[in-house]
Amino acid sequence: MSQAIKKRSVEIAGHRTSLTLEAAFWRALKRLAAQDRISINKLVERIDRNRQGNLSSAVRVYILERLEAEANSRTAS
């Protein structure tokens, strides 16, 4: 599985910016946005509002925390 870093444009509060993530993180971000029934841009905007540090790192941490929460809820069931 390729983990090539991909740079894509996203729109946050009406402004375009670039976001650089590994392919696995892009796939996870897309899946989480679909679960929330929102666009990737809206999810990134949500992450951006609460971030500290750079956006790419904040997105990675958000994805990790969501996936951990999902795993924990499955094991608690």
PDB file of N, CA and C in Angstrom:
ATOM      1  N   MET A   1       0.839  -1.170   0.000  1.00  0.00           N
ATOM      2  CA  MET A   1       0.000   0.000   0.000  1.00  0.00           C
ATOM      3  C   MET A   1       0.890   1.242   0.000  1.00  0.00           C
ATOM      4  N   SER A   2       0.670   2.104  -0.922  1.00  0.00           N
ATOM      5  CA  SER A   2       1.487   3.305  -1.049  1.00  0.00           C
ATOM      6  C   SER A   2       1.129   4.327   0.020  1.00  0.00           C
ATOM      7  N   GLN A   3       2.131   4.882   0.649  1.00  0.00           N
ATOM      8  CA  GLN A   3       1.906   5.930   1.640  1.00  0.00           C
ATOM      9  C   GLN A   3       2.440   7.268   1.132  1.00  0.00           C
ATOM     10  N   ALA A   4       2.374   7.433  -0.150  1.00  0.00           N
ATOM     11  CA  ALA A   4       2.846   8.678  -0.752  1.00  0.00           C
ATOM     12  C   ALA A   4       2.114   9.861  -0.128  1.00  0.00           C
ATOM     13  N   ILE A   5       2.859  10.909   0.053  1.00  0.00           N
ATOM     14  CA  ILE A   5       2.273  12.130   0.599  1.00  0.00           C
ATOM     15  C   ILE A   5       1.562  12.862  -0.527  1.00  0.00           C
ATOM     16  N   LYS A   6       0.327  13.263  -0.250  1.00  0.00           N
ATOM     17  CA  LYS A   6      -0.474  13.960  -1.245  1.00  0.00           C
ATOM     18  C   LYS A   6      -0.859  15.329  -0.717  1.00  0.00           C
ATOM     19  N   LYS A   7      -0.703  16.314  -1.567  1.00  0.00           N
ATOM     20  CA  LYS A   7      -1.061  17.687  -1.219  1.00  0.00           C
ATOM     21  C   LYS A   7      -2.342  18.021  -1.972  1.00  0.00           C
ATOM     22  N   ARG A   8      -3.349  18.476  -1.240  1.00  0.00           N
ATOM     23  CA  ARG A   8      -4.634  18.834  -1.848  1.00  0.00           C
ATOM     24  C   ARG A   8      -5.093  20.174  -1.309  1.00  0.00           C
ATOM     25  N   SER A   9      -5.912  20.827  -2.088  1.00  0.00           N
ATOM     26  CA  SER A   9      -6.494  22.097  -1.659  1.00  0.00           C
ATOM     27  C   SER A   9      -7.794  21.833  -0.926  1.00  0.00           C
ATOM     28  N   VAL A  10      -7.984  22.550   0.157  1.00  0.00           N
ATOM     29  CA  VAL A  10      -9.239  22.520   0.900  1.00  0.00           C
ATOM     30  C   VAL A  10      -9.672  23.961   1.134  1.00  0.00           C
ATOM     31  N   GLU A  11     -10.947  24.119   1.409  1.00  0.00           N
ATOM     32  CA  GLU A  11     -11.466  25.455   1.682  1.00  0.00           C
ATOM     33  C   GLU A  11     -11.916  25.524   3.126  1.00  0.00           C
ATOM     34  N   ILE A  12     -11.389  26.514   3.834  1.00  0.00           N
ATOM     35  CA  ILE A  12     -11.718  26.720   5.235  1.00  0.00           C
ATOM     36  C   ILE A  12     -12.251  28.130   5.375  1.00  0.00           C
ATOM     37  N   ALA A  13     -13.502  28.238   5.795  1.00  0.00           N
ATOM     38  CA  ALA A  13     -14.139  29.546   5.991  1.00  0.00           C
ATOM     39  C   ALA A  13     -13.975  30.440   4.766  1.00  0.00           C
ATOM     40  N   GLY A  14     -14.155  29.860   3.591  1.00  0.00           N
ATOM     41  CA  GLY A  14     -14.099  30.630   2.353  1.00  0.00           C
ATOM     42  C   GLY A  14     -12.714  30.884   1.798  1.00  0.00           C
ATOM     43  N   HIS A  15     -11.677  30.371   2.452  1.00  0.00           N
ATOM     44  CA  HIS A  15     -10.303  30.568   1.984  1.00  0.00           C
ATOM     45  C   HIS A  15      -9.684  29.225   1.617  1.00  0.00           C
ATOM     46  N   ARG A  16      -9.027  29.173   0.464  1.00  0.00           N
ATOM     47  CA  ARG A  16      -8.366  27.940   0.031  1.00  0.00           C
ATOM     48  C   ARG A  16      -6.980  27.850   0.665  1.00  0.00           C
ATOM     49  N   THR A  17      -6.666  26.644   1.086  1.00  0.00           N
ATOM     50  CA  THR A  17      -5.343  26.371   1.641  1.00  0.00           C
ATOM     51  C   THR A  17      -4.961  24.955   1.243  1.00  0.00           C
ATOM     52  N   SER A  18      -3.701  24.652   1.331  1.00  0.00           N
ATOM     53  CA  SER A  18      -3.281  23.292   0.979  1.00  0.00           C
ATOM     54  C   SER A  18      -3.087  22.475   2.251  1.00  0.00           C
ATOM     55  N   LEU A  19      -3.358  21.194   2.106  1.00  0.00           N
ATOM     56  CA  LEU A  19      -3.242  20.248   3.204  1.00  0.00           C
ATOM     57  C   LEU A  19      -2.438  19.062   2.690  1.00  0.00           C
ATOM     58  N   THR A  20      -1.384  18.717   3.388  1.00  0.00           N
ATOM     59  CA  THR A  20      -0.506  17.630   2.974  1.00  0.00           C
ATOM     60  C   THR A  20      -0.639  16.478   3.959  1.00  0.00           C
ATOM     61  N   LEU A  21      -1.084  15.316   3.435  1.00  0.00           N
ATOM     62  CA  LEU A  21      -1.278  14.123   4.252  1.00  0.00           C
ATOM     63  C   LEU A  21      -0.862  12.888   3.471  1.00  0.00           C
ATOM     64  N   GLU A  22      -0.527  11.837   4.179  1.00  0.00           N
ATOM     65  CA  GLU A  22      -0.283  10.552   3.559  1.00  0.00           C
ATOM     66  C   GLU A  22      -1.607   9.991   3.044  1.00  0.00           C
ATOM     67  N   ALA A  23      -1.510   9.103   2.047  1.00  0.00           N
ATOM     68  CA  ALA A  23      -2.703   8.550   1.408  1.00  0.00           C
ATOM     69  C   ALA A  23      -3.660   7.910   2.422  1.00  0.00           C
ATOM     70  N   ALA A  24      -3.135   7.199   3.400  1.00  0.00           N
ATOM     71  CA  ALA A  24      -3.981   6.546   4.401  1.00  0.00           C
ATOM     72  C   ALA A  24      -4.796   7.566   5.193  1.00  0.00           C
ATOM     73  N   PHE A  25      -4.197   8.707   5.491  1.00  0.00           N
ATOM     74  CA  PHE A  25      -4.929   9.752   6.214  1.00  0.00           C
ATOM     75  C   PHE A  25      -6.000  10.385   5.338  1.00  0.00           C
ATOM     76  N   TRP A  26      -5.726  10.555   4.042  1.00  0.00           N
ATOM     77  CA  TRP A  26      -6.760  11.078   3.142  1.00  0.00           C
ATOM     78  C   TRP A  26      -7.945  10.116   3.095  1.00  0.00           C
ATOM     79  N   ARG A  27      -7.667   8.808   3.025  1.00  0.00           N
ATOM     80  CA  ARG A  27      -8.752   7.816   2.997  1.00  0.00           C
ATOM     81  C   ARG A  27      -9.566   7.874   4.286  1.00  0.00           C
ATOM     82  N   ALA A  28      -8.884   7.958   5.413  1.00  0.00           N
ATOM     83  CA  ALA A  28      -9.580   8.010   6.701  1.00  0.00           C
ATOM     84  C   ALA A  28     -10.393   9.296   6.832  1.00  0.00           C
ATOM     85  N   LEU A  29      -9.836  10.409   6.381  1.00  0.00           N
ATOM     86  CA  LEU A  29     -10.549  11.686   6.450  1.00  0.00           C
ATOM     87  C   LEU A  29     -11.827  11.625   5.614  1.00  0.00           C
ATOM     88  N   LYS A  30     -11.730  11.042   4.438  1.00  0.00           N
ATOM     89  CA  LYS A  30     -12.898  10.897   3.561  1.00  0.00           C
ATOM     90  C   LYS A  30     -13.964  10.029   4.233  1.00  0.00           C
ATOM     91  N   ARG A  31     -13.534   8.923   4.835  1.00  0.00           N
ATOM     92  CA  ARG A  31     -14.483   8.030   5.503  1.00  0.00           C
ATOM     93  C   ARG A  31     -15.164   8.702   6.693  1.00  0.00           C
ATOM     94  N   LEU A  32     -14.396   9.437   7.499  1.00  0.00           N
ATOM     95  CA  LEU A  32     -14.974  10.112   8.658  1.00  0.00           C
ATOM     96  C   LEU A  32     -15.947  11.210   8.236  1.00  0.00           C
ATOM     97  N   ALA A  33     -15.618  11.940   7.192  1.00  0.00           N
ATOM     98  CA  ALA A  33     -16.532  12.968   6.686  1.00  0.00           C
ATOM     99  C   ALA A  33     -17.825  12.310   6.209  1.00  0.00           C
ATOM    100  N   ALA A  34     -17.715  11.188   5.517  1.00  0.00           N
ATOM    101  CA  ALA A  34     -18.909  10.477   5.046  1.00  0.00           C
ATOM    102  C   ALA A  34     -19.751   9.985   6.229  1.00  0.00           C
ATOM    103  N   GLN A  35     -19.090   9.492   7.275  1.00  0.00           N
ATOM    104  CA  GLN A  35     -19.814   9.049   8.475  1.00  0.00           C
ATOM    105  C   GLN A  35     -20.594  10.201   9.089  1.00  0.00           C
ATOM    106  N   ASP A  36     -20.003  11.385   9.075  1.00  0.00           N
ATOM    107  CA  ASP A  36     -20.646  12.576   9.649  1.00  0.00           C
ATOM    108  C   ASP A  36     -21.618  13.236   8.674  1.00  0.00           C
ATOM    109  N   ARG A  37     -21.653  12.723   7.438  1.00  0.00           N
ATOM    110  CA  ARG A  37     -22.503  13.261   6.374  1.00  0.00           C
ATOM    111  C   ARG A  37     -22.194  14.729   6.076  1.00  0.00           C
ATOM    112  N   ILE A  38     -20.898  15.016   6.043  1.00  0.00           N
ATOM    113  CA  ILE A  38     -20.439  16.362   5.692  1.00  0.00           C
ATOM    114  C   ILE A  38     -19.298  16.232   4.688  1.00  0.00           C
ATOM    115  N   SER A  39     -18.957  17.334   4.062  1.00  0.00           N
ATOM    116  CA  SER A  39     -17.846  17.325   3.108  1.00  0.00           C
ATOM    117  C   SER A  39     -16.517  17.286   3.854  1.00  0.00           C
ATOM    118  N   ILE A  40     -15.488  16.894   3.128  1.00  0.00           N
ATOM    119  CA  ILE A  40     -14.142  16.937   3.702  1.00  0.00           C
ATOM    120  C   ILE A  40     -13.806  18.363   4.118  1.00  0.00           C
ATOM    121  N   ASN A  41     -14.172  19.344   3.291  1.00  0.00           N
ATOM    122  CA  ASN A  41     -13.903  20.745   3.641  1.00  0.00           C
ATOM    123  C   ASN A  41     -14.543  21.126   4.970  1.00  0.00           C
ATOM    124  N   LYS A  42     -15.785  20.710   5.199  1.00  0.00           N
ATOM    125  CA  LYS A  42     -16.468  21.042   6.461  1.00  0.00           C
ATOM    126  C   LYS A  42     -15.787  20.363   7.641  1.00  0.00           C
ATOM    127  N   LEU A  43     -15.366  19.123   7.455  1.00  0.00           N
ATOM    128  CA  LEU A  43     -14.686  18.428   8.544  1.00  0.00           C
ATOM    129  C   LEU A  43     -13.350  19.098   8.852  1.00  0.00           C
ATOM    130  N   VAL A  44     -12.601  19.458   7.828  1.00  0.00           N
ATOM    131  CA  VAL A  44     -11.323  20.144   8.047  1.00  0.00           C
ATOM    132  C   VAL A  44     -11.561  21.499   8.713  1.00  0.00           C
ATOM    133  N   GLU A  45     -12.620  22.176   8.330  1.00  0.00           N
ATOM    134  CA  GLU A  45     -12.954  23.465   8.964  1.00  0.00           C
ATOM    135  C   GLU A  45     -13.234  23.268  10.450  1.00  0.00           C
ATOM    136  N   ARG A  46     -13.940  22.202  10.782  1.00  0.00           N
ATOM    137  CA  ARG A  46     -14.222  21.877  12.184  1.00  0.00           C
ATOM    138  C   ARG A  46     -12.927  21.619  12.955  1.00  0.00           C
ATOM    139  N   ILE A  47     -12.035  20.842  12.343  1.00  0.00           N
ATOM    140  CA  ILE A  47     -10.746  20.532  12.968  1.00  0.00           C
ATOM    141  C   ILE A  47      -9.929  21.810  13.142  1.00  0.00           C
ATOM    142  N   ASP A  48      -9.955  22.667  12.129  1.00  0.00           N
ATOM    143  CA  ASP A  48      -9.189  23.912  12.153  1.00  0.00           C
ATOM    144  C   ASP A  48      -9.604  24.819  13.302  1.00  0.00           C
ATOM    145  N   ARG A  49     -10.891  24.852  13.607  1.00  0.00           N
ATOM    146  CA  ARG A  49     -11.389  25.725  14.694  1.00  0.00           C
ATOM    147  C   ARG A  49     -10.795  25.377  16.041  1.00  0.00           C
ATOM    148  N   ASN A  50     -10.464  24.104  16.245  1.00  0.00           N
ATOM    149  CA  ASN A  50      -9.985  23.641  17.555  1.00  0.00           C
ATOM    150  C   ASN A  50      -8.507  23.301  17.582  1.00  0.00           C
ATOM    151  N   ARG A  51      -7.790  23.622  16.532  1.00  0.00           N
ATOM    152  CA  ARG A  51      -6.403  23.152  16.443  1.00  0.00           C
ATOM    153  C   ARG A  51      -5.424  24.050  17.177  1.00  0.00           C
ATOM    154  N   GLN A  52      -4.311  23.406  17.509  1.00  0.00           N
ATOM    155  CA  GLN A  52      -3.126  24.101  17.987  1.00  0.00           C
ATOM    156  C   GLN A  52      -1.985  23.526  17.153  1.00  0.00           C
ATOM    157  N   GLY A  53      -1.158  24.363  16.606  1.00  0.00           N
ATOM    158  CA  GLY A  53      -0.103  23.867  15.730  1.00  0.00           C
ATOM    159  C   GLY A  53      -0.562  23.877  14.286  1.00  0.00           C
ATOM    160  N   ASN A  54       0.167  23.131  13.431  1.00  0.00           N
ATOM    161  CA  ASN A  54      -0.158  23.210  12.007  1.00  0.00           C
ATOM    162  C   ASN A  54      -1.343  22.320  11.652  1.00  0.00           C
ATOM    163  N   LEU A  55      -1.987  22.640  10.556  1.00  0.00           N
ATOM    164  CA  LEU A  55      -3.225  21.992  10.159  1.00  0.00           C
ATOM    165  C   LEU A  55      -3.036  20.511   9.849  1.00  0.00           C
ATOM    166  N   SER A  56      -2.002  20.153   9.120  1.00  0.00           N
ATOM    167  CA  SER A  56      -1.786  18.740   8.786  1.00  0.00           C
ATOM    168  C   SER A  56      -1.644  17.890  10.045  1.00  0.00           C
ATOM    169  N   SER A  57      -0.901  18.369  11.012  1.00  0.00           N
ATOM    170  CA  SER A  57      -0.743  17.634  12.272  1.00  0.00           C
ATOM    171  C   SER A  57      -2.067  17.536  13.014  1.00  0.00           C
ATOM    172  N   ALA A  58      -2.818  18.615  13.037  1.00  0.00           N
ATOM    173  CA  ALA A  58      -4.112  18.614  13.714  1.00  0.00           C
ATOM    174  C   ALA A  58      -5.064  17.602  13.073  1.00  0.00           C
ATOM    175  N   VAL A  59      -5.046  17.498  11.752  1.00  0.00           N
ATOM    176  CA  VAL A  59      -5.905  16.538  11.059  1.00  0.00           C
ATOM    177  C   VAL A  59      -5.475  15.113  11.410  1.00  0.00           C
ATOM    178  N   ARG A  60      -4.187  14.842  11.410  1.00  0.00           N
ATOM    179  CA  ARG A  60      -3.706  13.500  11.762  1.00  0.00           C
ATOM    180  C   ARG A  60      -4.120  13.115  13.177  1.00  0.00           C
ATOM    181  N   VAL A  61      -3.959  14.031  14.124  1.00  0.00           N
ATOM    182  CA  VAL A  61      -4.330  13.756  15.519  1.00  0.00           C
ATOM    183  C   VAL A  61      -5.835  13.530  15.627  1.00  0.00           C
ATOM    184  N   TYR A  62      -6.624  14.341  14.937  1.00  0.00           N
ATOM    185  CA  TYR A  62      -8.076  14.184  14.952  1.00  0.00           C
ATOM    186  C   TYR A  62      -8.469  12.792  14.448  1.00  0.00           C
ATOM    187  N   ILE A  63      -7.886  12.383  13.328  1.00  0.00           N
ATOM    188  CA  ILE A  63      -8.191  11.078  12.755  1.00  0.00           C
ATOM    189  C   ILE A  63      -7.810   9.975  13.739  1.00  0.00           C
ATOM    190  N   LEU A  64      -6.623  10.054  14.312  1.00  0.00           N
ATOM    191  CA  LEU A  64      -6.176   9.052  15.274  1.00  0.00           C
ATOM    192  C   LEU A  64      -7.136   8.971  16.457  1.00  0.00           C
ATOM    193  N   GLU A  65      -7.539  10.108  16.984  1.00  0.00           N
ATOM    194  CA  GLU A  65      -8.448  10.124  18.138  1.00  0.00           C
ATOM    195  C   GLU A  65      -9.813   9.529  17.789  1.00  0.00           C
ATOM    196  N   ARG A  66     -10.327   9.839  16.595  1.00  0.00           N
ATOM    197  CA  ARG A  66     -11.614   9.273  16.166  1.00  0.00           C
ATOM    198  C   ARG A  66     -11.513   7.766  16.006  1.00  0.00           C
ATOM    199  N   LEU A  67     -10.430   7.289  15.375  1.00  0.00           N
ATOM    200  CA  LEU A  67     -10.272   5.858  15.172  1.00  0.00           C
ATOM    201  C   LEU A  67     -10.078   5.126  16.501  1.00  0.00           C
ATOM    202  N   GLU A  68      -9.354   5.742  17.428  1.00  0.00           N
ATOM    203  CA  GLU A  68      -9.199   5.151  18.762  1.00  0.00           C
ATOM    204  C   GLU A  68     -10.545   5.063  19.475  1.00  0.00           C
ATOM    205  N   ALA A  69     -11.352   6.121  19.387  1.00  0.00           N
ATOM    206  CA  ALA A  69     -12.670   6.137  20.021  1.00  0.00           C
ATOM    207  C   ALA A  69     -13.564   5.039  19.430  1.00  0.00           C
ATOM    208  N   GLU A  70     -13.511   4.865  18.111  1.00  0.00           N
ATOM    209  CA  GLU A  70     -14.283   3.807  17.458  1.00  0.00           C
ATOM    210  C   GLU A  70     -13.832   2.438  17.960  1.00  0.00           C
ATOM    211  N   ALA A  71     -12.531   2.238  18.031  1.00  0.00           N
ATOM    212  CA  ALA A  71     -12.002   0.943  18.494  1.00  0.00           C
ATOM    213  C   ALA A  71     -12.406   0.684  19.950  1.00  0.00           C
ATOM    214  N   ASN A  72     -12.319   1.707  20.777  1.00  0.00           N
ATOM    215  CA  ASN A  72     -12.677   1.551  22.189  1.00  0.00           C
ATOM    216  C   ASN A  72     -14.165   1.250  22.351  1.00  0.00           C
ATOM    217  N   SER A  73     -15.009   1.865  21.535  1.00  0.00           N
ATOM    218  CA  SER A  73     -16.452   1.612  21.661  1.00  0.00           C
ATOM    219  C   SER A  73     -16.785   0.196  21.198  1.00  0.00           C
ATOM    220  N   ARG A  74     -16.029  -0.336  20.239  1.00  0.00           N
ATOM    221  CA  ARG A  74     -16.258  -1.731  19.796  1.00  0.00           C
ATOM    222  C   ARG A  74     -15.837  -2.718  20.874  1.00  0.00           C
ATOM    223  N   THR A  75     -14.734  -2.435  21.546  1.00  0.00           N
ATOM    224  CA  THR A  75     -14.259  -3.378  22.567  1.00  0.00           C
ATOM    225  C   THR A  75     -15.082  -3.275  23.844  1.00  0.00           C
ATOM    226  N   ALA A  76     -15.724  -2.131  24.082  1.00  0.00           N
ATOM    227  CA  ALA A  76     -16.561  -1.946  25.267  1.00  0.00           C
ATOM    228  C   ALA A  76     -17.926  -2.607  25.091  1.00  0.00           C
ATOM    229  N   SER A  77     -18.294  -2.871  23.861  1.00  0.00           N
ATOM    230  CA  SER A  77     -19.629  -3.478  23.594  1.00  0.00           C
ATOM    231  C   SER A  77     -19.666  -4.941  23.918  1.00  0.00           C
TER     232      SER A  77
END
